[in-house]
Amino acid sequence: MGLLSWLLRLAVFLVMMGFALSNTDTATLHFFGIPQFEWRAPLVLFLLIFFAVGTLLGALATVPIVLRQRRDLNRLRRLQAASVPDPAARPVGLVRAADARKP
């Protein structure tokens, strides 16, 4: 299974490397059509930057949800701990009714 995983990773890496090497043409990025704000770089660099920024924004979008779920989970754990009696706190001298009838 480990070998298959590494082979899959190698295949993905080679495909991505081939994509990067085939998109080395220079591209110009214009910011709102203002001539002073234009950037020239290889197309693969633009793709990498926008992919990284999109991944970062997607991860940041999940932060409020994760924090709310952690808060709810901690609250539920506290409620559960408060409602479940400690088994070690039972009185020692308790006997079952069936045991009490035996001579």
C-alpha atoms as a PDB file:
ATOM      1  CA  MET A   1       0.000   0.000   0.000  1.00  0.00           C
ATOM      2  CA  GLY A   2       2.865   2.357   0.817  1.00  0.00           C
ATOM      3  CA  LEU A   3       4.513   1.658  -2.544  1.00  0.00           C
ATOM      4  CA  LEU A   4       1.266   2.369  -4.383  1.00  0.00           C
ATOM      5  CA  SER A   5       0.908   5.666  -2.520  1.00  0.00           C
ATOM      6  CA  TRP A   6       4.421   6.750  -3.448  1.00  0.00           C
ATOM      7  CA  LEU A   7       3.883   5.768  -7.098  1.00  0.00           C
ATOM      8  CA  LEU A   8       0.706   7.835  -7.198  1.00  0.00           C
ATOM      9  CA  ARG A   9       2.531  10.808  -5.661  1.00  0.00           C
ATOM     10  CA  LEU A  10       5.338  10.449  -8.218  1.00  0.00           C
ATOM     11  CA  ALA A  11       2.819  10.357 -11.081  1.00  0.00           C
ATOM     12  CA  VAL A  12       1.031  13.490  -9.803  1.00  0.00           C
ATOM     13  CA  PHE A  13       4.365  15.265  -9.362  1.00  0.00           C
ATOM     14  CA  LEU A  14       5.483  14.388 -12.893  1.00  0.00           C
ATOM     15  CA  VAL A  15       2.193  15.581 -14.386  1.00  0.00           C
ATOM     16  CA  MET A  16       2.442  18.857 -12.454  1.00  0.00           C
ATOM     17  CA  MET A  17       6.091  19.293 -13.473  1.00  0.00           C
ATOM     18  CA  GLY A  18       5.175  18.721 -17.121  1.00  0.00           C
ATOM     19  CA  PHE A  19       2.358  21.267 -16.800  1.00  0.00           C
ATOM     20  CA  ALA A  20       4.741  23.811 -15.268  1.00  0.00           C
ATOM     21  CA  LEU A  21       7.387  23.281 -17.931  1.00  0.00           C
ATOM     22  CA  SER A  22       4.871  23.627 -20.758  1.00  0.00           C
ATOM     23  CA  ASN A  23       3.475  26.940 -19.399  1.00  0.00           C
ATOM     24  CA  THR A  24       6.618  29.030 -19.146  1.00  0.00           C
ATOM     25  CA  ASP A  25       5.447  31.715 -21.576  1.00  0.00           C
ATOM     26  CA  THR A  26       5.427  35.221 -20.179  1.00  0.00           C
ATOM     27  CA  ALA A  27       2.012  36.536 -19.266  1.00  0.00           C
ATOM     28  CA  THR A  28       0.994  40.056 -18.282  1.00  0.00           C
ATOM     29  CA  LEU A  29      -1.376  40.659 -15.423  1.00  0.00           C
ATOM     30  CA  HIS A  30      -3.214  43.992 -15.567  1.00  0.00           C
ATOM     31  CA  PHE A  31      -4.677  45.390 -12.353  1.00  0.00           C
ATOM     32  CA  PHE A  32      -7.938  47.172 -13.188  1.00  0.00           C
ATOM     33  CA  GLY A  33      -6.542  48.417 -16.506  1.00  0.00           C
ATOM     34  CA  ILE A  34      -4.085  50.830 -14.889  1.00  0.00           C
ATOM     35  CA  PRO A  35      -0.835  50.809 -16.892  1.00  0.00           C
ATOM     36  CA  GLN A  36       1.361  51.409 -13.830  1.00  0.00           C
ATOM     37  CA  PHE A  37      -0.065  48.301 -12.165  1.00  0.00           C
ATOM     38  CA  GLU A  38       0.899  45.492 -14.466  1.00  0.00           C
ATOM     39  CA  TRP A  39       3.070  42.511 -13.738  1.00  0.00           C
ATOM     40  CA  ARG A  40       4.897  40.280 -16.193  1.00  0.00           C
ATOM     41  CA  ALA A  41       5.843  36.775 -15.123  1.00  0.00           C
ATOM     42  CA  PRO A  42       5.650  33.194 -16.386  1.00  0.00           C
ATOM     43  CA  LEU A  43       2.118  31.854 -16.596  1.00  0.00           C
ATOM     44  CA  VAL A  44       2.892  28.976 -14.246  1.00  0.00           C
ATOM     45  CA  LEU A  45       3.916  31.477 -11.559  1.00  0.00           C
ATOM     46  CA  PHE A  46       0.551  33.230 -11.823  1.00  0.00           C
ATOM     47  CA  LEU A  47      -1.230  29.888 -11.612  1.00  0.00           C
ATOM     48  CA  LEU A  48       0.785  28.850  -8.555  1.00  0.00           C
ATOM     49  CA  ILE A  49       0.171  32.157  -6.767  1.00  0.00           C
ATOM     50  CA  PHE A  50      -3.572  32.155  -7.423  1.00  0.00           C
ATOM     51  CA  PHE A  51      -3.843  28.502  -6.396  1.00  0.00           C
ATOM     52  CA  ALA A  52      -2.002  29.212  -3.125  1.00  0.00           C
ATOM     53  CA  VAL A  53      -4.123  32.299  -2.385  1.00  0.00           C
ATOM     54  CA  GLY A  54      -7.326  30.370  -3.114  1.00  0.00           C
ATOM     55  CA  THR A  55      -6.243  27.525  -0.851  1.00  0.00           C
ATOM     56  CA  LEU A  56      -5.410  29.975   1.925  1.00  0.00           C
ATOM     57  CA  LEU A  57      -8.758  31.781   1.586  1.00  0.00           C
ATOM     58  CA  GLY A  58     -10.600  28.455   1.597  1.00  0.00           C
ATOM     59  CA  ALA A  59      -8.802  27.375   4.771  1.00  0.00           C
ATOM     60  CA  LEU A  60      -9.519  30.716   6.425  1.00  0.00           C
ATOM     61  CA  ALA A  61     -13.196  30.395   5.523  1.00  0.00           C
ATOM     62  CA  THR A  62     -13.429  27.206   7.599  1.00  0.00           C
ATOM     63  CA  VAL A  63     -11.924  28.757  10.762  1.00  0.00           C
ATOM     64  CA  PRO A  64     -15.208  30.144  12.201  1.00  0.00           C
ATOM     65  CA  ILE A  65     -16.967  26.815  11.651  1.00  0.00           C
ATOM     66  CA  VAL A  66     -14.163  24.837  13.305  1.00  0.00           C
ATOM     67  CA  LEU A  67     -14.041  27.205  16.274  1.00  0.00           C
ATOM     68  CA  ARG A  68     -17.817  27.000  16.761  1.00  0.00           C
ATOM     69  CA  GLN A  69     -17.726  23.201  16.585  1.00  0.00           C
ATOM     70  CA  ARG A  70     -14.898  23.044  19.142  1.00  0.00           C
ATOM     71  CA  ARG A  71     -16.809  25.364  21.475  1.00  0.00           C
ATOM     72  CA  ASP A  72     -19.960  23.239  21.154  1.00  0.00           C
ATOM     73  CA  LEU A  73     -18.004  20.031  21.661  1.00  0.00           C
ATOM     74  CA  ASN A  74     -16.363  21.352  24.832  1.00  0.00           C
ATOM     75  CA  ARG A  75     -19.754  22.474  26.154  1.00  0.00           C
ATOM     76  CA  LEU A  76     -21.250  19.051  25.471  1.00  0.00           C
ATOM     77  CA  ARG A  77     -18.302  17.326  27.159  1.00  0.00           C
ATOM     78  CA  ARG A  78     -18.775  19.482  30.257  1.00  0.00           C
ATOM     79  CA  LEU A  79     -22.502  18.655  30.312  1.00  0.00           C
ATOM     80  CA  GLN A  80     -21.781  14.959  29.949  1.00  0.00           C
ATOM     81  CA  ALA A  81     -19.174  15.007  32.708  1.00  0.00           C
ATOM     82  CA  ALA A  82     -21.611  16.781  35.019  1.00  0.00           C
ATOM     83  CA  SER A  83     -24.494  14.357  34.347  1.00  0.00           C
ATOM     84  CA  VAL A  84     -22.613  11.038  34.540  1.00  0.00           C
ATOM     85  CA  PRO A  85     -22.045   9.944  38.142  1.00  0.00           C
ATOM     86  CA  ASP A  86     -18.602   8.730  39.078  1.00  0.00           C
ATOM     87  CA  PRO A  87     -18.690   4.909  39.454  1.00  0.00           C
ATOM     88  CA  ALA A  88     -16.146   5.080  42.279  1.00  0.00           C
ATOM     89  CA  ALA A  89     -18.485   7.334  44.293  1.00  0.00           C
ATOM     90  CA  ARG A  90     -21.111   4.595  44.870  1.00  0.00           C
ATOM     91  CA  PRO A  91     -21.635   3.574  48.477  1.00  0.00           C
ATOM     92  CA  VAL A  92     -19.773   0.400  49.391  1.00  0.00           C
ATOM     93  CA  GLY A  93     -22.450  -1.199  51.567  1.00  0.00           C
ATOM     94  CA  LEU A  94     -25.131  -1.522  48.878  1.00  0.00           C
ATOM     95  CA  VAL A  95     -26.401  -5.018  48.207  1.00  0.00           C
ATOM     96  CA  ARG A  96     -28.844  -6.251  45.646  1.00  0.00           C
ATOM     97  CA  ALA A  97     -32.343  -7.192  46.824  1.00  0.00           C
ATOM     98  CA  ALA A  98     -31.805 -10.811  45.697  1.00  0.00           C
ATOM     99  CA  ASP A  99     -28.635 -11.052  47.772  1.00  0.00           C
ATOM    100  CA  ALA A 100     -30.337  -9.636  50.853  1.00  0.00           C
ATOM    101  CA  ARG A 101     -32.971 -12.459  50.918  1.00  0.00           C
ATOM    102  CA  LYS A 102     -30.408 -15.239  51.040  1.00  0.00           C
ATOM    103  CA  PRO A 103     -29.889 -16.769  54.511  1.00  0.00           C
END
